[in-house]
PDB file of N, CA and C in Angstrom:
ATOM      1  N   MET A   1      -8.046   0.577 -14.484  1.00  0.00           N
ATOM      2  CA  MET A   1      -7.646  -0.364 -13.456  1.00  0.00           C
ATOM      3  C   MET A   1      -6.738   0.351 -12.450  1.00  0.00           C
ATOM      4  N   LYS A   2      -6.980   0.112 -11.172  1.00  0.00           N
ATOM      5  CA  LYS A   2      -6.180   0.728 -10.122  1.00  0.00           C
ATOM      6  C   LYS A   2      -4.793   0.099 -10.047  1.00  0.00           C
ATOM      7  N   GLN A   3      -3.851   0.885  -9.589  1.00  0.00           N
ATOM      8  CA  GLN A   3      -2.508   0.378  -9.355  1.00  0.00           C
ATOM      9  C   GLN A   3      -2.439  -0.290  -7.990  1.00  0.00           C
ATOM     10  N   THR A   4      -1.620  -1.312  -7.917  1.00  0.00           N
ATOM     11  CA  THR A   4      -1.322  -1.880  -6.608  1.00  0.00           C
ATOM     12  C   THR A   4      -0.312  -0.954  -5.928  1.00  0.00           C
ATOM     13  N   ALA A   5      -0.123  -1.155  -4.640  1.00  0.00           N
ATOM     14  CA  ALA A   5       0.843  -0.342  -3.903  1.00  0.00           C
ATOM     15  C   ALA A   5       2.257  -0.544  -4.451  1.00  0.00           C
ATOM     16  N   VAL A   6       2.584  -1.754  -4.844  1.00  0.00           N
ATOM     17  CA  VAL A   6       3.918  -2.042  -5.390  1.00  0.00           C
ATOM     18  C   VAL A   6       4.093  -1.343  -6.737  1.00  0.00           C
ATOM     19  N   GLU A   7       3.073  -1.408  -7.583  1.00  0.00           N
ATOM     20  CA  GLU A   7       3.154  -0.730  -8.880  1.00  0.00           C
ATOM     21  C   GLU A   7       3.305   0.781  -8.687  1.00  0.00           C
ATOM     22  N   TRP A   8       2.548   1.337  -7.751  1.00  0.00           N
ATOM     23  CA  TRP A   8       2.639   2.765  -7.457  1.00  0.00           C
ATOM     24  C   TRP A   8       4.054   3.133  -6.999  1.00  0.00           C
ATOM     25  N   LEU A   9       4.619   2.331  -6.091  1.00  0.00           N
ATOM     26  CA  LEU A   9       5.954   2.602  -5.563  1.00  0.00           C
ATOM     27  C   LEU A   9       6.996   2.614  -6.672  1.00  0.00           C
ATOM     28  N   ILE A  10       6.980   1.614  -7.515  1.00  0.00           N
ATOM     29  CA  ILE A  10       7.954   1.539  -8.612  1.00  0.00           C
ATOM     30  C   ILE A  10       7.753   2.700  -9.574  1.00  0.00           C
ATOM     31  N   ASP A  11       6.501   3.001  -9.895  1.00  0.00           N
ATOM     32  CA  ASP A  11       6.191   4.121 -10.777  1.00  0.00           C
ATOM     33  C   ASP A  11       6.724   5.433 -10.201  1.00  0.00           C
ATOM     34  N   GLN A  12       6.527   5.655  -8.917  1.00  0.00           N
ATOM     35  CA  GLN A  12       7.020   6.870  -8.267  1.00  0.00           C
ATOM     36  C   GLN A  12       8.541   6.941  -8.284  1.00  0.00           C
ATOM     37  N   MET A  13       9.179   5.810  -8.086  1.00  0.00           N
ATOM     38  CA  MET A  13      10.647   5.793  -8.093  1.00  0.00           C
ATOM     39  C   MET A  13      11.189   6.141  -9.470  1.00  0.00           C
ATOM     40  N   PHE A  14      10.521   5.663 -10.533  1.00  0.00           N
ATOM     41  CA  PHE A  14      10.927   6.039 -11.886  1.00  0.00           C
ATOM     42  C   PHE A  14      10.659   7.520 -12.125  1.00  0.00           C
ATOM     43  N   LYS A  15       9.458   7.979 -11.775  1.00  0.00           N
ATOM     44  CA  LYS A  15       9.081   9.376 -12.016  1.00  0.00           C
ATOM     45  C   LYS A  15       9.995  10.348 -11.278  1.00  0.00           C
ATOM     46  N   GLN A  16      10.436   9.977 -10.107  1.00  0.00           N
ATOM     47  CA  GLN A  16      11.266  10.875  -9.309  1.00  0.00           C
ATOM     48  C   GLN A  16      12.755  10.742  -9.599  1.00  0.00           C
ATOM     49  N   GLY A  17      13.125   9.881 -10.554  1.00  0.00           N
ATOM     50  CA  GLY A  17      14.505   9.813 -11.023  1.00  0.00           C
ATOM     51  C   GLY A  17      15.445   8.941 -10.218  1.00  0.00           C
ATOM     52  N   TYR A  18      14.914   8.049  -9.390  1.00  0.00           N
ATOM     53  CA  TYR A  18      15.788   7.203  -8.576  1.00  0.00           C
ATOM     54  C   TYR A  18      16.469   6.097  -9.372  1.00  0.00           C
ATOM     55  N   PHE A  19      15.855   5.657 -10.464  1.00  0.00           N
ATOM     56  CA  PHE A  19      16.413   4.537 -11.218  1.00  0.00           C
ATOM     57  C   PHE A  19      17.336   4.956 -12.351  1.00  0.00           C
ATOM     58  N   ASP A  20      17.329   6.229 -12.690  1.00  0.00           N
ATOM     59  CA  ASP A  20      18.205   6.665 -13.782  1.00  0.00           C
ATOM     60  C   ASP A  20      19.422   7.444 -13.285  1.00  0.00           C
ATOM     61  N   GLY A  21      19.619   7.440 -11.971  1.00  0.00           N
ATOM     62  CA  GLY A  21      20.801   8.065 -11.399  1.00  0.00           C
ATOM     63  C   GLY A  21      20.718   9.569 -11.246  1.00  0.00           C
ATOM     64  N   ASN A  22      19.562  10.163 -11.531  1.00  0.00           N
ATOM     65  CA  ASN A  22      19.428  11.615 -11.415  1.00  0.00           C
ATOM     66  C   ASN A  22      19.189  12.089  -9.987  1.00  0.00           C
ATOM     67  N   LYS A  23      18.770  11.184  -9.135  1.00  0.00           N
ATOM     68  CA  LYS A  23      18.448  11.568  -7.769  1.00  0.00           C
ATOM     69  C   LYS A  23      18.941  10.474  -6.829  1.00  0.00           C
ATOM     70  N   PRO A  24      19.676  10.838  -5.781  1.00  0.00           N
ATOM     71  CA  PRO A  24      20.150   9.809  -4.853  1.00  0.00           C
ATOM     72  C   PRO A  24      18.997   9.237  -4.037  1.00  0.00           C
ATOM     73  N   LEU A  25      19.038   7.954  -3.828  1.00  0.00           N
ATOM     74  CA  LEU A  25      18.008   7.277  -3.051  1.00  0.00           C
ATOM     75  C   LEU A  25      18.470   7.230  -1.604  1.00  0.00           C
ATOM     76  N   THR A  26      18.041   8.195  -0.829  1.00  0.00           N
ATOM     77  CA  THR A  26      18.424   8.257   0.577  1.00  0.00           C
ATOM     78  C   THR A  26      17.414   7.477   1.413  1.00  0.00           C
ATOM     79  N   TYR A  27      17.795   7.187   2.628  1.00  0.00           N
ATOM     80  CA  TYR A  27      16.888   6.484   3.538  1.00  0.00           C
ATOM     81  C   TYR A  27      15.604   7.294   3.743  1.00  0.00           C
ATOM     82  N   THR A  28      15.742   8.608   3.878  1.00  0.00           N
ATOM     83  CA  THR A  28      14.576   9.468   4.101  1.00  0.00           C
ATOM     84  C   THR A  28      13.622   9.413   2.913  1.00  0.00           C
ATOM     85  N   ASN A  29      14.168   9.506   1.706  1.00  0.00           N
ATOM     86  CA  ASN A  29      13.335   9.441   0.503  1.00  0.00           C
ATOM     87  C   ASN A  29      12.629   8.090   0.403  1.00  0.00           C
ATOM     88  N   LEU A  30      13.375   7.031   0.611  1.00  0.00           N
ATOM     89  CA  LEU A  30      12.804   5.688   0.505  1.00  0.00           C
ATOM     90  C   LEU A  30      11.776   5.447   1.604  1.00  0.00           C
ATOM     91  N   ASP A  31      12.059   5.901   2.818  1.00  0.00           N
ATOM     92  CA  ASP A  31      11.132   5.719   3.922  1.00  0.00           C
ATOM     93  C   ASP A  31       9.812   6.428   3.649  1.00  0.00           C
ATOM     94  N   HIS A  32       9.881   7.631   3.107  1.00  0.00           N
ATOM     95  CA  HIS A  32       8.671   8.385   2.791  1.00  0.00           C
ATOM     96  C   HIS A  32       7.820   7.646   1.751  1.00  0.00           C
ATOM     97  N   LEU A  33       8.446   7.193   0.689  1.00  0.00           N
ATOM     98  CA  LEU A  33       7.720   6.446  -0.343  1.00  0.00           C
ATOM     99  C   LEU A  33       7.169   5.135   0.209  1.00  0.00           C
ATOM    100  N   GLN A  34       7.948   4.466   1.040  1.00  0.00           N
ATOM    101  CA  GLN A  34       7.514   3.197   1.623  1.00  0.00           C
ATOM    102  C   GLN A  34       6.281   3.401   2.497  1.00  0.00           C
ATOM    103  N   GLN A  35       6.264   4.450   3.298  1.00  0.00           N
ATOM    104  CA  GLN A  35       5.116   4.709   4.166  1.00  0.00           C
ATOM    105  C   GLN A  35       3.860   4.995   3.346  1.00  0.00           C
ATOM    106  N   GLN A  36       4.010   5.732   2.263  1.00  0.00           N
ATOM    107  CA  GLN A  36       2.867   6.008   1.397  1.00  0.00           C
ATOM    108  C   GLN A  36       2.348   4.712   0.768  1.00  0.00           C
ATOM    109  N   ALA A  37       3.264   3.871   0.310  1.00  0.00           N
ATOM    110  CA  ALA A  37       2.869   2.601  -0.311  1.00  0.00           C
ATOM    111  C   ALA A  37       2.196   1.676   0.702  1.00  0.00           C
ATOM    112  N   LYS A  38       2.702   1.651   1.933  1.00  0.00           N
ATOM    113  CA  LYS A  38       2.098   0.814   2.972  1.00  0.00           C
ATOM    114  C   LYS A  38       0.674   1.265   3.288  1.00  0.00           C
ATOM    115  N   GLU A  39       0.458   2.563   3.347  1.00  0.00           N
ATOM    116  CA  GLU A  39      -0.884   3.086   3.610  1.00  0.00           C
ATOM    117  C   GLU A  39      -1.829   2.723   2.461  1.00  0.00           C
ATOM    118  N   MET A  40      -1.327   2.829   1.236  1.00  0.00           N
ATOM    119  CA  MET A  40      -2.128   2.459   0.072  1.00  0.00           C
ATOM    120  C   MET A  40      -2.481   0.972   0.124  1.00  0.00           C
ATOM    121  N   GLU A  41      -1.506   0.139   0.464  1.00  0.00           N
ATOM    122  CA  GLU A  41      -1.726  -1.301   0.559  1.00  0.00           C
ATOM    123  C   GLU A  41      -2.759  -1.617   1.644  1.00  0.00           C
ATOM    124  N   LYS A  42      -2.661  -0.942   2.776  1.00  0.00           N
ATOM    125  CA  LYS A  42      -3.607  -1.150   3.859  1.00  0.00           C
ATOM    126  C   LYS A  42      -5.028  -0.832   3.402  1.00  0.00           C
ATOM    127  N   GLU A  43      -5.199   0.289   2.716  1.00  0.00           N
ATOM    128  CA  GLU A  43      -6.519   0.670   2.212  1.00  0.00           C
ATOM    129  C   GLU A  43      -7.053  -0.367   1.223  1.00  0.00           C
ATOM    130  N   GLN A  44      -6.182  -0.874   0.352  1.00  0.00           N
ATOM    131  CA  GLN A  44      -6.604  -1.878  -0.625  1.00  0.00           C
ATOM    132  C   GLN A  44      -7.031  -3.172   0.066  1.00  0.00           C
ATOM    133  N   ILE A  45      -6.297  -3.584   1.076  1.00  0.00           N
ATOM    134  CA  ILE A  45      -6.639  -4.806   1.814  1.00  0.00           C
ATOM    135  C   ILE A  45      -7.957  -4.621   2.546  1.00  0.00           C
ATOM    136  N   GLN A  46      -8.126  -3.477   3.194  1.00  0.00           N
ATOM    137  CA  GLN A  46      -9.363  -3.232   3.928  1.00  0.00           C
ATOM    138  C   GLN A  46     -10.561  -3.145   2.982  1.00  0.00           C
ATOM    139  N   ASN A  47     -10.390  -2.507   1.832  1.00  0.00           N
ATOM    140  CA  ASN A  47     -11.482  -2.443   0.863  1.00  0.00           C
ATOM    141  C   ASN A  47     -11.866  -3.828   0.362  1.00  0.00           C
ATOM    142  N   ALA A  48     -10.875  -4.665   0.096  1.00  0.00           N
ATOM    143  CA  ALA A  48     -11.147  -6.032  -0.350  1.00  0.00           C
ATOM    144  C   ALA A  48     -11.855  -6.817   0.749  1.00  0.00           C
ATOM    145  N   TYR A  49     -11.434  -6.646   1.979  1.00  0.00           N
ATOM    146  CA  TYR A  49     -12.062  -7.337   3.109  1.00  0.00           C
ATOM    147  C   TYR A  49     -13.510  -6.888   3.257  1.00  0.00           C
ATOM    148  N   ASP A  50     -13.722  -5.579   3.217  1.00  0.00           N
ATOM    149  CA  ASP A  50     -15.079  -5.046   3.346  1.00  0.00           C
ATOM    150  C   ASP A  50     -15.985  -5.559   2.234  1.00  0.00           C
ATOM    151  N   THR A  51     -15.478  -5.610   1.020  1.00  0.00           N
ATOM    152  CA  THR A  51     -16.263  -6.114  -0.104  1.00  0.00           C
ATOM    153  C   THR A  51     -16.600  -7.580   0.092  1.00  0.00           C
ATOM    154  N   GLY A  52     -15.633  -8.363   0.533  1.00  0.00           N
ATOM    155  CA  GLY A  52     -15.867  -9.787   0.777  1.00  0.00           C
ATOM    156  C   GLY A  52     -16.847 -10.011   1.907  1.00  0.00           C
ATOM    157  N   GLU A  53     -16.740  -9.250   2.969  1.00  0.00           N
ATOM    158  CA  GLU A  53     -17.668  -9.363   4.094  1.00  0.00           C
ATOM    159  C   GLU A  53     -19.077  -8.989   3.656  1.00  0.00           C
ATOM    160  N   TYR A  54     -19.186  -7.946   2.859  1.00  0.00           N
ATOM    161  CA  TYR A  54     -20.501  -7.513   2.391  1.00  0.00           C
ATOM    162  C   TYR A  54     -21.119  -8.592   1.507  1.00  0.00           C
ATOM    163  N   ASP A  55     -20.319  -9.153   0.619  1.00  0.00           N
ATOM    164  CA  ASP A  55     -20.811 -10.166  -0.313  1.00  0.00           C
ATOM    165  C   ASP A  55     -21.260 -11.443   0.391  1.00  0.00           C
ATOM    166  N   CYS A  56     -20.644 -11.792   1.505  1.00  0.00           N
ATOM    167  CA  CYS A  56     -21.026 -13.027   2.192  1.00  0.00           C
ATOM    168  C   CYS A  56     -22.007 -12.771   3.329  1.00  0.00           C
ATOM    169  N   GLY A  57     -22.354 -11.513   3.566  1.00  0.00           N
ATOM    170  CA  GLY A  57     -23.352 -11.186   4.568  1.00  0.00           C
ATOM    171  C   GLY A  57     -22.872 -11.257   6.000  1.00  0.00           C
ATOM    172  N   CYS A  58     -21.586 -11.207   6.214  1.00  0.00           N
ATOM    173  CA  CYS A  58     -21.026 -11.267   7.565  1.00  0.00           C
ATOM    174  C   CYS A  58     -20.763  -9.853   8.069  1.00  0.00           C
ATOM    175  N   ASN A  59     -20.686  -9.734   9.361  1.00  0.00           N
ATOM    176  CA  ASN A  59     -20.264  -8.469   9.945  1.00  0.00           C
ATOM    177  C   ASN A  59     -18.816  -8.605  10.351  1.00  0.00           C
ATOM    178  N   GLY A  60     -17.984  -7.744   9.821  1.00  0.00           N
ATOM    179  CA  GLY A  60     -16.568  -7.792  10.162  1.00  0.00           C
ATOM    180  C   GLY A  60     -15.998  -6.400  10.196  1.00  0.00           C
ATOM    181  N   ASP A  61     -14.883  -6.280  10.825  1.00  0.00           N
ATOM    182  CA  ASP A  61     -14.196  -5.002  10.930  1.00  0.00           C
ATOM    183  C   ASP A  61     -12.871  -5.119  10.193  1.00  0.00           C
ATOM    184  N   SER A  62     -12.750  -4.395   9.097  1.00  0.00           N
ATOM    185  CA  SER A  62     -11.545  -4.504   8.275  1.00  0.00           C
ATOM    186  C   SER A  62     -10.299  -4.006   9.008  1.00  0.00           C
ATOM    187  N   GLU A  63     -10.460  -3.030   9.878  1.00  0.00           N
ATOM    188  CA  GLU A  63      -9.320  -2.533  10.653  1.00  0.00           C
ATOM    189  C   GLU A  63      -8.795  -3.622  11.583  1.00  0.00           C
ATOM    190  N   GLN A  64      -9.699  -4.333  12.260  1.00  0.00           N
ATOM    191  CA  GLN A  64      -9.288  -5.441  13.131  1.00  0.00           C
ATOM    192  C   GLN A  64      -8.628  -6.540  12.314  1.00  0.00           C
ATOM    193  N   TYR A  65      -9.229  -6.878  11.178  1.00  0.00           N
ATOM    194  CA  TYR A  65      -8.661  -7.915  10.316  1.00  0.00           C
ATOM    195  C   TYR A  65      -7.245  -7.538   9.889  1.00  0.00           C
ATOM    196  N   TYR A  66      -7.066  -6.292   9.437  1.00  0.00           N
ATOM    197  CA  TYR A  66      -5.745  -5.854   8.982  1.00  0.00           C
ATOM    198  C   TYR A  66      -4.724  -5.938  10.107  1.00  0.00           C
ATOM    199  N   ASN A  67      -5.084  -5.414  11.262  1.00  0.00           N
ATOM    200  CA  ASN A  67      -4.138  -5.421  12.397  1.00  0.00           C
ATOM    201  C   ASN A  67      -3.811  -6.837  12.849  1.00  0.00           C
ATOM    202  N   LYS A  68      -4.814  -7.691  12.900  1.00  0.00           N
ATOM    203  CA  LYS A  68      -4.587  -9.076  13.312  1.00  0.00           C
ATOM    204  C   LYS A  68      -3.709  -9.834  12.308  1.00  0.00           C
ATOM    205  N   THR A  69      -3.925  -9.574  11.041  1.00  0.00           N
ATOM    206  CA  THR A  69      -3.242 -10.326   9.989  1.00  0.00           C
ATOM    207  C   THR A  69      -1.866  -9.771   9.644  1.00  0.00           C
ATOM    208  N   PHE A  70      -1.714  -8.448   9.630  1.00  0.00           N
ATOM    209  CA  PHE A  70      -0.497  -7.853   9.094  1.00  0.00           C
ATOM    210  C   PHE A  70       0.368  -7.101  10.083  1.00  0.00           C
ATOM    211  N   LYS A  71      -0.117  -6.831  11.275  1.00  0.00           N
ATOM    212  CA  LYS A  71       0.707  -6.130  12.263  1.00  0.00           C
ATOM    213  C   LYS A  71       1.408  -7.137  13.135  1.00  0.00           C
ATOM    214  N   LYS A  72       2.627  -6.840  13.501  1.00  0.00           N
ATOM    215  CA  LYS A  72       3.401  -7.753  14.321  1.00  0.00           C
ATOM    216  C   LYS A  72       3.145  -7.487  15.781  1.00  0.00           C
TER     217      LYS A  72
END
């Protein structure tokens, strides 16, 4: 089973020692992990959209859907 972006983020934070006090959680470190998790989440949303569009026989653009739904 694939990890969600949130599960991946928490797993990475544990693996990199942020929760046990071995490594300081700086803005730069957190920002880097956050950007990776956001990209993973975007891919998961687009894959789900594409699968749903394929299953219902519609033509849709997952990139447009993502930007319309999740971008401010």
